[in-house]
């Protein structure tokens, strides 16, 4: 029979081991699923791709099914890796940083785990520096601010001065909205027509209740294509706008860099073959490639 002191010591060791196991389990839950480098992803046969649930034309739900440019691109990337894609659509958080934490390296607080790859991520140096747990890259599309016009109401090459007398529609609380409301110290305010849903703006525009519609070019193109409206999109001088263009790319876990390299090669192949341009055209969108590196 062991001495009492030895028995107590063993109980203490067991207690510490169980405590360590519990802490490890809690940490695992708190940080989401662990990184899945390329070999593990390929061995599993599935690439888990996350994008947004209300981000047309890139990702949206249509009668319960995931659709959009990101969805089709995710499937194409997985195909190039020789596996299948699992597409997960999630709501946007208050900040992009929240989305990176929830979808790339920590996981949602409500459960559901992270993805191997997140799409529609803005390529931004400050965002990257704030989130060292993730890698940002593989830009695949350039978003631009544009204006759809009725040339008979605005002329073929309007400036924003036209909207001192003509109405222009814009989605509420966007970069375009802030620009229009602040233009020349608010001279356009009485002629700015706000909408919350993009389709509502397209409906106003189709009825010529507004002479123009301003917003993200890809979103305008999809809504106009759905409405069967063929009009010019122009990009007048926007001096003073917070941002008139930006790059969409991807994010993945910092310790899954080999997966990022493989995805980069897949995207380059998809783009070079013209498939990415065809995917965009499916949703009425003109493919806007990222500019070449300077």
C-alpha atoms as a PDB file:
ATOM      1  CA  UNK A   1       0.000   0.000   0.000  1.00  0.00           C
ATOM      2  CA  UNK A   2       1.357   3.434  -0.994  1.00  0.00           C
ATOM      3  CA  UNK A   3       1.969   6.106   1.636  1.00  0.00           C
ATOM      4  CA  UNK A   4      -0.803   8.704   2.005  1.00  0.00           C
ATOM      5  CA  UNK A   5       1.490  11.475   0.763  1.00  0.00           C
ATOM      6  CA  UNK A   6       2.152   9.578  -2.484  1.00  0.00           C
ATOM      7  CA  UNK A   7      -1.564   8.950  -3.033  1.00  0.00           C
ATOM      8  CA  UNK A   8      -2.313  12.617  -2.490  1.00  0.00           C
ATOM      9  CA  UNK A   9       0.454  13.573  -4.888  1.00  0.00           C
ATOM     10  CA  UNK A  10      -0.943  11.293  -7.600  1.00  0.00           C
ATOM     11  CA  UNK A  11      -4.435  12.715  -7.108  1.00  0.00           C
ATOM     12  CA  UNK A  12      -2.970  16.172  -7.466  1.00  0.00           C
ATOM     13  CA  UNK A  13      -1.227  15.201 -10.728  1.00  0.00           C
ATOM     14  CA  UNK A  14      -4.437  13.656 -12.092  1.00  0.00           C
ATOM     15  CA  UNK A  15      -6.347  16.797 -11.181  1.00  0.00           C
ATOM     16  CA  UNK A  16      -3.818  18.965 -13.017  1.00  0.00           C
ATOM     17  CA  UNK A  17      -3.974  16.706 -16.078  1.00  0.00           C
ATOM     18  CA  UNK A  18      -7.758  16.825 -16.190  1.00  0.00           C
ATOM     19  CA  UNK A  19      -7.644  20.607 -15.745  1.00  0.00           C
ATOM     20  CA  UNK A  20      -5.154  20.954 -18.572  1.00  0.00           C
ATOM     21  CA  UNK A  21      -7.356  18.801 -20.805  1.00  0.00           C
ATOM     22  CA  UNK A  22     -10.406  20.946 -20.025  1.00  0.00           C
ATOM     23  CA  UNK A  23      -8.486  24.161 -20.730  1.00  0.00           C
ATOM     24  CA  UNK A  24      -7.211  22.760 -24.036  1.00  0.00           C
ATOM     25  CA  UNK A  25     -10.728  21.813 -25.059  1.00  0.00           C
ATOM     26  CA  UNK A  26     -12.061  25.257 -24.191  1.00  0.00           C
ATOM     27  CA  UNK A  27      -9.268  26.923 -26.130  1.00  0.00           C
ATOM     28  CA  UNK A  28     -10.067  24.743 -29.122  1.00  0.00           C
ATOM     29  CA  UNK A  29     -13.701  25.802 -28.980  1.00  0.00           C
ATOM     30  CA  UNK A  30     -12.795  29.445 -28.539  1.00  0.00           C
ATOM     31  CA  UNK A  31     -10.390  29.531 -31.459  1.00  0.00           C
ATOM     32  CA  UNK A  32     -12.484  27.586 -33.952  1.00  0.00           C
ATOM     33  CA  UNK A  33     -11.140  24.732 -35.994  1.00  0.00           C
ATOM     34  CA  UNK A  34      -7.397  24.396 -36.384  1.00  0.00           C
ATOM     35  CA  UNK A  35      -5.603  25.319 -39.583  1.00  0.00           C
ATOM     36  CA  UNK A  36      -5.926  22.876 -42.451  1.00  0.00           C
ATOM     37  CA  UNK A  37      -2.838  23.101 -44.654  1.00  0.00           C
ATOM     38  CA  UNK A  38      -3.022  21.960 -48.265  1.00  0.00           C
ATOM     39  CA  UNK A  39      -2.327  18.252 -47.700  1.00  0.00           C
ATOM     40  CA  UNK A  40      -5.080  17.965 -45.098  1.00  0.00           C
ATOM     41  CA  UNK A  41      -7.606  19.852 -47.233  1.00  0.00           C
ATOM     42  CA  UNK A  42      -6.893  17.647 -50.249  1.00  0.00           C
ATOM     43  CA  UNK A  43      -7.007  14.493 -48.135  1.00  0.00           C
ATOM     44  CA  UNK A  44     -10.406  15.508 -46.771  1.00  0.00           C
ATOM     45  CA  UNK A  45     -11.757  15.957 -50.289  1.00  0.00           C
ATOM     46  CA  UNK A  46     -13.438  19.267 -49.371  1.00  0.00           C
ATOM     47  CA  UNK A  47     -12.456  22.937 -49.501  1.00  0.00           C
ATOM     48  CA  UNK A  48     -14.565  24.981 -47.076  1.00  0.00           C
ATOM     49  CA  UNK A  49     -15.241  28.388 -48.665  1.00  0.00           C
ATOM     50  CA  UNK A  50     -16.962  31.207 -46.782  1.00  0.00           C
ATOM     51  CA  UNK A  51     -18.563  34.304 -48.264  1.00  0.00           C
ATOM     52  CA  UNK A  52     -21.440  36.625 -47.406  1.00  0.00           C
ATOM     53  CA  UNK A  53     -25.140  35.783 -47.503  1.00  0.00           C
ATOM     54  CA  UNK A  54     -26.304  39.188 -48.827  1.00  0.00           C
ATOM     55  CA  UNK A  55     -23.580  40.422 -51.150  1.00  0.00           C
ATOM     56  CA  UNK A  56     -24.948  40.183 -54.682  1.00  0.00           C
ATOM     57  CA  UNK A  57     -23.564  39.676 -57.263  1.00  0.00           C
ATOM     58  CA  UNK A  58     -20.740  37.903 -55.415  1.00  0.00           C
ATOM     59  CA  UNK A  59     -22.733  35.773 -53.013  1.00  0.00           C
ATOM     60  CA  UNK A  60     -26.389  35.563 -52.074  1.00  0.00           C
ATOM     61  CA  UNK A  61     -29.115  33.068 -51.330  1.00  0.00           C
ATOM     62  CA  UNK A  62     -31.609  32.289 -54.095  1.00  0.00           C
ATOM     63  CA  UNK A  63     -34.505  30.010 -53.099  1.00  0.00           C
ATOM     64  CA  UNK A  64     -32.355  28.387 -50.448  1.00  0.00           C
ATOM     65  CA  UNK A  65     -29.346  27.863 -52.721  1.00  0.00           C
ATOM     66  CA  UNK A  66     -26.015  29.711 -52.644  1.00  0.00           C
ATOM     67  CA  UNK A  67     -25.375  31.674 -55.834  1.00  0.00           C
ATOM     68  CA  UNK A  68     -23.024  34.337 -57.090  1.00  0.00           C
ATOM     69  CA  UNK A  69     -19.562  34.967 -58.490  1.00  0.00           C
ATOM     70  CA  UNK A  70     -17.845  33.864 -55.272  1.00  0.00           C
ATOM     71  CA  UNK A  71     -19.879  30.662 -55.159  1.00  0.00           C
ATOM     72  CA  UNK A  72     -18.972  29.693 -58.720  1.00  0.00           C
ATOM     73  CA  UNK A  73     -15.353  30.728 -58.193  1.00  0.00           C
ATOM     74  CA  UNK A  74     -15.154  28.651 -55.011  1.00  0.00           C
ATOM     75  CA  UNK A  75     -16.354  25.579 -56.896  1.00  0.00           C
ATOM     76  CA  UNK A  76     -13.848  26.260 -59.703  1.00  0.00           C
ATOM     77  CA  UNK A  77     -10.937  26.600 -57.253  1.00  0.00           C
ATOM     78  CA  UNK A  78     -11.858  23.340 -55.532  1.00  0.00           C
ATOM     79  CA  UNK A  79     -12.099  21.629 -58.912  1.00  0.00           C
ATOM     80  CA  UNK A  80      -8.564  22.774 -59.784  1.00  0.00           C
ATOM     81  CA  UNK A  81      -7.373  21.282 -56.478  1.00  0.00           C
ATOM     82  CA  UNK A  82      -9.067  18.002 -57.387  1.00  0.00           C
ATOM     83  CA  UNK A  83     -11.672  18.195 -54.609  1.00  0.00           C
ATOM     84  CA  UNK A  84     -15.159  19.582 -53.954  1.00  0.00           C
ATOM     85  CA  UNK A  85     -16.212  22.882 -52.388  1.00  0.00           C
ATOM     86  CA  UNK A  86     -18.405  23.325 -49.355  1.00  0.00           C
ATOM     87  CA  UNK A  87     -19.866  26.832 -49.645  1.00  0.00           C
ATOM     88  CA  UNK A  88     -20.900  28.560 -46.412  1.00  0.00           C
ATOM     89  CA  UNK A  89     -22.702  31.926 -46.555  1.00  0.00           C
ATOM     90  CA  UNK A  90     -22.731  34.105 -43.435  1.00  0.00           C
ATOM     91  CA  UNK A  91     -24.050  37.516 -42.464  1.00  0.00           C
ATOM     92  CA  UNK A  92     -21.669  40.456 -42.389  1.00  0.00           C
ATOM     93  CA  UNK A  93     -20.428  41.634 -39.019  1.00  0.00           C
ATOM     94  CA  UNK A  94     -20.199  45.240 -37.919  1.00  0.00           C
ATOM     95  CA  UNK A  95     -16.581  45.431 -39.099  1.00  0.00           C
ATOM     96  CA  UNK A  96     -14.491  43.462 -41.596  1.00  0.00           C
ATOM     97  CA  UNK A  97     -12.154  42.572 -38.708  1.00  0.00           C
ATOM     98  CA  UNK A  98     -15.087  40.804 -37.005  1.00  0.00           C
ATOM     99  CA  UNK A  99     -15.643  38.748 -40.155  1.00  0.00           C
ATOM    100  CA  UNK A 100     -11.969  37.780 -40.373  1.00  0.00           C
ATOM    101  CA  UNK A 101     -11.965  36.585 -36.760  1.00  0.00           C
ATOM    102  CA  UNK A 102     -15.213  34.657 -37.139  1.00  0.00           C
ATOM    103  CA  UNK A 103     -14.587  33.108 -40.545  1.00  0.00           C
ATOM    104  CA  UNK A 104     -10.826  32.678 -40.850  1.00  0.00           C
ATOM    105  CA  UNK A 105      -9.063  31.997 -37.544  1.00  0.00           C
ATOM    106  CA  UNK A 106     -11.301  31.946 -34.459  1.00  0.00           C
ATOM    107  CA  UNK A 107     -14.796  30.892 -35.522  1.00  0.00           C
ATOM    108  CA  UNK A 108     -18.192  32.411 -34.693  1.00  0.00           C
ATOM    109  CA  UNK A 109     -19.105  32.714 -31.030  1.00  0.00           C
ATOM    110  CA  UNK A 110     -22.317  30.860 -31.861  1.00  0.00           C
ATOM    111  CA  UNK A 111     -20.405  27.900 -33.324  1.00  0.00           C
ATOM    112  CA  UNK A 112     -19.955  26.676 -36.861  1.00  0.00           C
ATOM    113  CA  UNK A 113     -16.187  26.778 -37.247  1.00  0.00           C
ATOM    114  CA  UNK A 114     -13.941  28.632 -39.647  1.00  0.00           C
ATOM    115  CA  UNK A 115     -13.385  28.174 -43.367  1.00  0.00           C
ATOM    116  CA  UNK A 116     -10.301  27.157 -45.283  1.00  0.00           C
ATOM    117  CA  UNK A 117     -10.787  30.224 -47.466  1.00  0.00           C
ATOM    118  CA  UNK A 118     -12.821  33.426 -47.221  1.00  0.00           C
ATOM    119  CA  UNK A 119     -13.758  35.373 -50.366  1.00  0.00           C
ATOM    120  CA  UNK A 120     -14.801  39.004 -51.013  1.00  0.00           C
ATOM    121  CA  UNK A 121     -12.155  40.250 -48.608  1.00  0.00           C
ATOM    122  CA  UNK A 122     -10.897  43.792 -49.297  1.00  0.00           C
ATOM    123  CA  UNK A 123      -7.168  43.846 -49.931  1.00  0.00           C
ATOM    124  CA  UNK A 124      -6.020  46.535 -47.536  1.00  0.00           C
ATOM    125  CA  UNK A 125      -2.668  46.899 -45.789  1.00  0.00           C
ATOM    126  CA  UNK A 126      -4.142  48.330 -42.588  1.00  0.00           C
ATOM    127  CA  UNK A 127      -6.628  45.442 -42.366  1.00  0.00           C
ATOM    128  CA  UNK A 128      -3.800  42.958 -42.834  1.00  0.00           C
ATOM    129  CA  UNK A 129      -1.678  44.551 -40.111  1.00  0.00           C
ATOM    130  CA  UNK A 130      -4.593  44.455 -37.665  1.00  0.00           C
ATOM    131  CA  UNK A 131      -5.172  40.745 -38.296  1.00  0.00           C
ATOM    132  CA  UNK A 132      -1.806  38.893 -38.206  1.00  0.00           C
ATOM    133  CA  UNK A 133      -3.606  35.566 -37.676  1.00  0.00           C
ATOM    134  CA  UNK A 134      -4.769  35.694 -41.309  1.00  0.00           C
ATOM    135  CA  UNK A 135      -3.059  36.026 -44.683  1.00  0.00           C
ATOM    136  CA  UNK A 136      -4.631  38.328 -47.295  1.00  0.00           C
ATOM    137  CA  UNK A 137      -4.056  38.039 -51.028  1.00  0.00           C
ATOM    138  CA  UNK A 138      -5.109  36.459 -54.329  1.00  0.00           C
ATOM    139  CA  UNK A 139      -6.961  39.562 -55.551  1.00  0.00           C
ATOM    140  CA  UNK A 140      -9.415  38.535 -58.256  1.00  0.00           C
ATOM    141  CA  UNK A 141     -11.684  41.542 -58.930  1.00  0.00           C
ATOM    142  CA  UNK A 142     -11.533  45.324 -58.854  1.00  0.00           C
ATOM    143  CA  UNK A 143     -14.653  47.000 -57.497  1.00  0.00           C
ATOM    144  CA  UNK A 144     -15.389  50.496 -58.827  1.00  0.00           C
ATOM    145  CA  UNK A 145     -17.911  53.221 -58.117  1.00  0.00           C
ATOM    146  CA  UNK A 146     -19.980  54.121 -61.183  1.00  0.00           C
ATOM    147  CA  UNK A 147     -23.124  55.941 -62.236  1.00  0.00           C
ATOM    148  CA  UNK A 148     -25.839  54.438 -64.445  1.00  0.00           C
ATOM    149  CA  UNK A 149     -27.497  57.201 -66.484  1.00  0.00           C
ATOM    150  CA  UNK A 150     -30.466  57.891 -68.715  1.00  0.00           C
ATOM    151  CA  UNK A 151     -28.585  59.857 -71.408  1.00  0.00           C
ATOM    152  CA  UNK A 152     -31.784  61.593 -72.544  1.00  0.00           C
ATOM    153  CA  UNK A 153     -32.063  63.114 -69.044  1.00  0.00           C
ATOM    154  CA  UNK A 154     -28.403  63.709 -68.155  1.00  0.00           C
ATOM    155  CA  UNK A 155     -26.535  63.900 -71.437  1.00  0.00           C
ATOM    156  CA  UNK A 156     -23.902  61.316 -72.460  1.00  0.00           C
ATOM    157  CA  UNK A 157     -21.081  62.524 -70.185  1.00  0.00           C
ATOM    158  CA  UNK A 158     -22.637  64.188 -67.147  1.00  0.00           C
ATOM    159  CA  UNK A 159     -20.858  65.801 -64.241  1.00  0.00           C
ATOM    160  CA  UNK A 160     -22.423  65.733 -60.792  1.00  0.00           C
ATOM    161  CA  UNK A 161     -23.618  69.320 -61.361  1.00  0.00           C
ATOM    162  CA  UNK A 162     -26.415  67.800 -63.479  1.00  0.00           C
ATOM    163  CA  UNK A 163     -27.980  66.521 -60.263  1.00  0.00           C
ATOM    164  CA  UNK A 164     -28.589  70.028 -59.011  1.00  0.00           C
ATOM    165  CA  UNK A 165     -31.727  69.781 -61.152  1.00  0.00           C
ATOM    166  CA  UNK A 166     -32.081  66.029 -61.790  1.00  0.00           C
ATOM    167  CA  UNK A 167     -32.581  63.267 -59.230  1.00  0.00           C
ATOM    168  CA  UNK A 168     -29.963  60.594 -58.554  1.00  0.00           C
ATOM    169  CA  UNK A 169     -30.550  57.395 -56.591  1.00  0.00           C
ATOM    170  CA  UNK A 170     -28.093  55.838 -54.146  1.00  0.00           C
ATOM    171  CA  UNK A 171     -28.032  53.095 -51.534  1.00  0.00           C
ATOM    172  CA  UNK A 172     -28.288  54.458 -48.009  1.00  0.00           C
ATOM    173  CA  UNK A 173     -25.122  54.794 -45.871  1.00  0.00           C
ATOM    174  CA  UNK A 174     -22.625  53.843 -48.582  1.00  0.00           C
ATOM    175  CA  UNK A 175     -19.466  55.514 -49.880  1.00  0.00           C
ATOM    176  CA  UNK A 176     -21.526  56.864 -52.795  1.00  0.00           C
ATOM    177  CA  UNK A 177     -24.174  58.251 -50.437  1.00  0.00           C
ATOM    178  CA  UNK A 178     -21.633  60.130 -48.310  1.00  0.00           C
ATOM    179  CA  UNK A 179     -20.073  61.578 -51.460  1.00  0.00           C
ATOM    180  CA  UNK A 180     -23.375  62.825 -52.903  1.00  0.00           C
ATOM    181  CA  UNK A 181     -24.540  64.353 -49.615  1.00  0.00           C
ATOM    182  CA  UNK A 182     -21.249  66.217 -49.134  1.00  0.00           C
ATOM    183  CA  UNK A 183     -20.773  67.290 -52.776  1.00  0.00           C
ATOM    184  CA  UNK A 184     -20.122  71.060 -52.875  1.00  0.00           C
ATOM    185  CA  UNK A 185     -21.194  71.402 -49.247  1.00  0.00           C
ATOM    186  CA  UNK A 186     -24.514  69.601 -49.748  1.00  0.00           C
ATOM    187  CA  UNK A 187     -25.828  71.270 -52.885  1.00  0.00           C
ATOM    188  CA  UNK A 188     -27.333  67.956 -54.141  1.00  0.00           C
ATOM    189  CA  UNK A 189     -29.103  66.903 -50.934  1.00  0.00           C
ATOM    190  CA  UNK A 190     -32.633  67.691 -52.163  1.00  0.00           C
ATOM    191  CA  UNK A 191     -32.125  65.602 -55.307  1.00  0.00           C
ATOM    192  CA  UNK A 192     -30.629  62.495 -53.703  1.00  0.00           C
ATOM    193  CA  UNK A 193     -33.121  59.604 -53.558  1.00  0.00           C
ATOM    194  CA  UNK A 194     -32.202  56.929 -51.000  1.00  0.00           C
ATOM    195  CA  UNK A 195     -32.991  53.223 -51.080  1.00  0.00           C
ATOM    196  CA  UNK A 196     -32.020  50.346 -48.790  1.00  0.00           C
ATOM    197  CA  UNK A 197     -32.354  47.402 -51.175  1.00  0.00           C
ATOM    198  CA  UNK A 198     -30.504  47.596 -54.532  1.00  0.00           C
ATOM    199  CA  UNK A 199     -33.546  46.262 -56.409  1.00  0.00           C
ATOM    200  CA  UNK A 200     -35.600  49.225 -55.143  1.00  0.00           C
ATOM    201  CA  UNK A 201     -33.135  51.634 -56.732  1.00  0.00           C
ATOM    202  CA  UNK A 202     -33.234  49.699 -60.006  1.00  0.00           C
ATOM    203  CA  UNK A 203     -37.036  49.892 -59.972  1.00  0.00           C
ATOM    204  CA  UNK A 204     -36.967  53.687 -59.525  1.00  0.00           C
ATOM    205  CA  UNK A 205     -34.396  53.980 -62.285  1.00  0.00           C
ATOM    206  CA  UNK A 206     -36.397  51.785 -64.678  1.00  0.00           C
ATOM    207  CA  UNK A 207     -39.453  54.020 -64.152  1.00  0.00           C
ATOM    208  CA  UNK A 208     -37.306  57.140 -64.786  1.00  0.00           C
ATOM    209  CA  UNK A 209     -38.266  58.485 -61.391  1.00  0.00           C
ATOM    210  CA  UNK A 210     -34.557  59.221 -61.104  1.00  0.00           C
ATOM    211  CA  UNK A 211     -32.171  60.236 -63.879  1.00  0.00           C
ATOM    212  CA  UNK A 212     -29.216  58.241 -62.565  1.00  0.00           C
ATOM    213  CA  UNK A 213     -28.201  55.574 -60.100  1.00  0.00           C
ATOM    214  CA  UNK A 214     -24.852  55.626 -58.293  1.00  0.00           C
ATOM    215  CA  UNK A 215     -23.121  52.776 -56.514  1.00  0.00           C
ATOM    216  CA  UNK A 216     -20.745  49.848 -56.809  1.00  0.00           C
ATOM    217  CA  UNK A 217     -20.465  49.025 -60.502  1.00  0.00           C
ATOM    218  CA  UNK A 218     -20.879  45.242 -60.179  1.00  0.00           C
ATOM    219  CA  UNK A 219     -24.020  45.662 -58.040  1.00  0.00           C
ATOM    220  CA  UNK A 220     -25.516  48.180 -60.508  1.00  0.00           C
ATOM    221  CA  UNK A 221     -24.767  45.915 -63.466  1.00  0.00           C
ATOM    222  CA  UNK A 222     -26.476  42.908 -61.901  1.00  0.00           C
ATOM    223  CA  UNK A 223     -29.581  44.845 -60.884  1.00  0.00           C
ATOM    224  CA  UNK A 224     -29.907  46.513 -64.296  1.00  0.00           C
ATOM    225  CA  UNK A 225     -29.405  43.190 -66.078  1.00  0.00           C
ATOM    226  CA  UNK A 226     -32.127  41.595 -63.940  1.00  0.00           C
ATOM    227  CA  UNK A 227     -34.458  44.467 -64.820  1.00  0.00           C
ATOM    228  CA  UNK A 228     -33.625  44.190 -68.531  1.00  0.00           C
ATOM    229  CA  UNK A 229     -32.238  47.734 -68.647  1.00  0.00           C
ATOM    230  CA  UNK A 230     -29.401  48.526 -71.062  1.00  0.00           C
ATOM    231  CA  UNK A 231     -27.947  51.965 -70.313  1.00  0.00           C
ATOM    232  CA  UNK A 232     -24.448  53.446 -70.073  1.00  0.00           C
ATOM    233  CA  UNK A 233     -22.410  53.332 -66.884  1.00  0.00           C
ATOM    234  CA  UNK A 234     -20.048  56.257 -66.499  1.00  0.00           C
ATOM    235  CA  UNK A 235     -17.415  57.291 -63.971  1.00  0.00           C
ATOM    236  CA  UNK A 236     -17.452  61.094 -63.703  1.00  0.00           C
ATOM    237  CA  UNK A 237     -14.829  62.980 -61.731  1.00  0.00           C
ATOM    238  CA  UNK A 238     -15.315  62.032 -58.065  1.00  0.00           C
ATOM    239  CA  UNK A 239     -12.769  64.293 -56.407  1.00  0.00           C
ATOM    240  CA  UNK A 240     -13.258  64.032 -52.655  1.00  0.00           C
ATOM    241  CA  UNK A 241     -14.841  60.574 -52.548  1.00  0.00           C
ATOM    242  CA  UNK A 242     -13.518  58.366 -49.735  1.00  0.00           C
ATOM    243  CA  UNK A 243     -12.788  55.473 -52.102  1.00  0.00           C
ATOM    244  CA  UNK A 244     -13.682  55.040 -55.759  1.00  0.00           C
ATOM    245  CA  UNK A 245     -12.129  51.596 -56.281  1.00  0.00           C
ATOM    246  CA  UNK A 246     -10.723  48.698 -54.257  1.00  0.00           C
ATOM    247  CA  UNK A 247      -9.606  45.111 -54.732  1.00  0.00           C
ATOM    248  CA  UNK A 248     -11.481  42.005 -53.664  1.00  0.00           C
ATOM    249  CA  UNK A 249      -9.348  39.070 -52.640  1.00  0.00           C
ATOM    250  CA  UNK A 250      -9.184  36.223 -50.154  1.00  0.00           C
ATOM    251  CA  UNK A 251      -8.062  35.431 -46.622  1.00  0.00           C
ATOM    252  CA  UNK A 252      -6.855  32.188 -45.068  1.00  0.00           C
ATOM    253  CA  UNK A 253      -5.159  31.124 -41.834  1.00  0.00           C
ATOM    254  CA  UNK A 254      -1.608  32.308 -41.262  1.00  0.00           C
ATOM    255  CA  UNK A 255      -0.339  28.735 -40.851  1.00  0.00           C
ATOM    256  CA  UNK A 256      -2.023  27.548 -44.068  1.00  0.00           C
ATOM    257  CA  UNK A 257       0.225  29.420 -46.475  1.00  0.00           C
ATOM    258  CA  UNK A 258       0.744  26.397 -48.725  1.00  0.00           C
ATOM    259  CA  UNK A 259      -3.017  26.317 -49.280  1.00  0.00           C
ATOM    260  CA  UNK A 260      -2.894  30.014 -50.234  1.00  0.00           C
ATOM    261  CA  UNK A 261      -0.180  29.330 -52.830  1.00  0.00           C
ATOM    262  CA  UNK A 262      -2.177  26.466 -54.351  1.00  0.00           C
ATOM    263  CA  UNK A 263      -5.307  28.631 -54.512  1.00  0.00           C
ATOM    264  CA  UNK A 264      -3.287  31.412 -56.164  1.00  0.00           C
ATOM    265  CA  UNK A 265      -2.187  29.032 -58.914  1.00  0.00           C
ATOM    266  CA  UNK A 266      -5.770  27.825 -59.356  1.00  0.00           C
ATOM    267  CA  UNK A 267      -7.137  31.377 -59.629  1.00  0.00           C
ATOM    268  CA  UNK A 268      -4.501  32.347 -62.175  1.00  0.00           C
ATOM    269  CA  UNK A 269      -5.479  29.353 -64.310  1.00  0.00           C
ATOM    270  CA  UNK A 270      -9.209  30.128 -63.981  1.00  0.00           C
ATOM    271  CA  UNK A 271      -8.605  33.750 -64.950  1.00  0.00           C
ATOM    272  CA  UNK A 272      -6.263  32.972 -67.861  1.00  0.00           C
ATOM    273  CA  UNK A 273      -8.762  30.532 -69.386  1.00  0.00           C
ATOM    274  CA  UNK A 274     -11.483  33.178 -69.429  1.00  0.00           C
ATOM    275  CA  UNK A 275     -13.615  31.210 -66.970  1.00  0.00           C
ATOM    276  CA  UNK A 276     -13.708  33.984 -64.369  1.00  0.00           C
ATOM    277  CA  UNK A 277     -14.904  36.453 -67.000  1.00  0.00           C
ATOM    278  CA  UNK A 278     -17.635  33.981 -68.030  1.00  0.00           C
ATOM    279  CA  UNK A 279     -18.686  33.507 -64.408  1.00  0.00           C
ATOM    280  CA  UNK A 280     -19.081  37.287 -64.013  1.00  0.00           C
ATOM    281  CA  UNK A 281     -21.070  37.524 -67.230  1.00  0.00           C
ATOM    282  CA  UNK A 282     -23.516  34.934 -65.863  1.00  0.00           C
ATOM    283  CA  UNK A 283     -24.640  37.585 -63.349  1.00  0.00           C
ATOM    284  CA  UNK A 284     -24.624  40.478 -65.811  1.00  0.00           C
ATOM    285  CA  UNK A 285     -21.284  41.756 -64.498  1.00  0.00           C
ATOM    286  CA  UNK A 286     -18.317  43.011 -66.511  1.00  0.00           C
ATOM    287  CA  UNK A 287     -15.142  41.355 -65.245  1.00  0.00           C
ATOM    288  CA  UNK A 288     -12.826  44.013 -63.833  1.00  0.00           C
ATOM    289  CA  UNK A 289      -9.388  42.442 -63.344  1.00  0.00           C
ATOM    290  CA  UNK A 290      -7.019  43.776 -60.685  1.00  0.00           C
ATOM    291  CA  UNK A 291      -4.462  46.158 -62.169  1.00  0.00           C
ATOM    292  CA  UNK A 292      -0.967  44.732 -62.717  1.00  0.00           C
ATOM    293  CA  UNK A 293       1.500  45.284 -59.854  1.00  0.00           C
ATOM    294  CA  UNK A 294       3.413  48.551 -60.090  1.00  0.00           C
END
